[in-house]
Amino acid sequence: MCPTGAITGNPVCIDLGKCTFCGECAFRFPEKISFTGDYKLSANVRERLVVKEGDEEGISVEPAKVRKVVRSLFGRSLKLRQVSAGGDNSCELELNACNNVQFDMSRFGIDFVASPRHADGVVITGPITANMAGPLEICYNAVPDPKIVILVGTDAISGGIFADSPALDRDFLTKYPVDLYVPGNPAHPLTFINGVLDMLKKQ
């Protein structure tokens, strides 16, 4: 039923890092699965995106797992370079909306910049195709140290429906640490903004 294999049983679990949020599972099994309007879905530990049956804890950023350098250096100002690594532009559109008058992310000192030389980290969208693996690494290496990596959207986190495609090259994720996972297909602007603020502890 699930196109990405996000659902497992005994107990029922749904991996929001793989979920496309199509809602078909909730339609077929309303007594087991339901989706809410909660936008606080970001986590800094990949396993936290797996929601288990009966789990009331919810998804959150674990403060103890946030690198100290992230909060000490980027707590007041964070500049990010967004890299579309083979995405469908849905997450890119939502990230663009983060700076409109409704969400106004820049009021928190968080902005997207055009050059990785001016950035504190990279925001990756898309499943990371083989053609984009090289440019992504070039961009990452151009960002001054220390730097952060944020994965936005199902495709970036797990590969999504393209996870088994031979056209992907996701070796980047085995070489460099990821600081924040923002699930969604696409991710909502509030999910991204809230996740970054939780990471920086700027509520």
Foldseek 3Di string as FASTA:
>chain_A
DFLQPQWDPPPTKGQLLQHQPPCPVCVVCVVFDDDDPDQQQKEQDRVLSIDTGPDPPHHHYDQVPQDPCCQVPPLQAFEEEEDEQAAPCPLVVQQVVCCDPVNNLCVSRYYYDHALLPGQEYEYEAQHFPVCVVVVVVSGVNHDPPHAYEYFESCRSQNHSCNPPPRHDPVVPVVDRHRMYAYYNGRHSVNVSVRSCSSNVPD
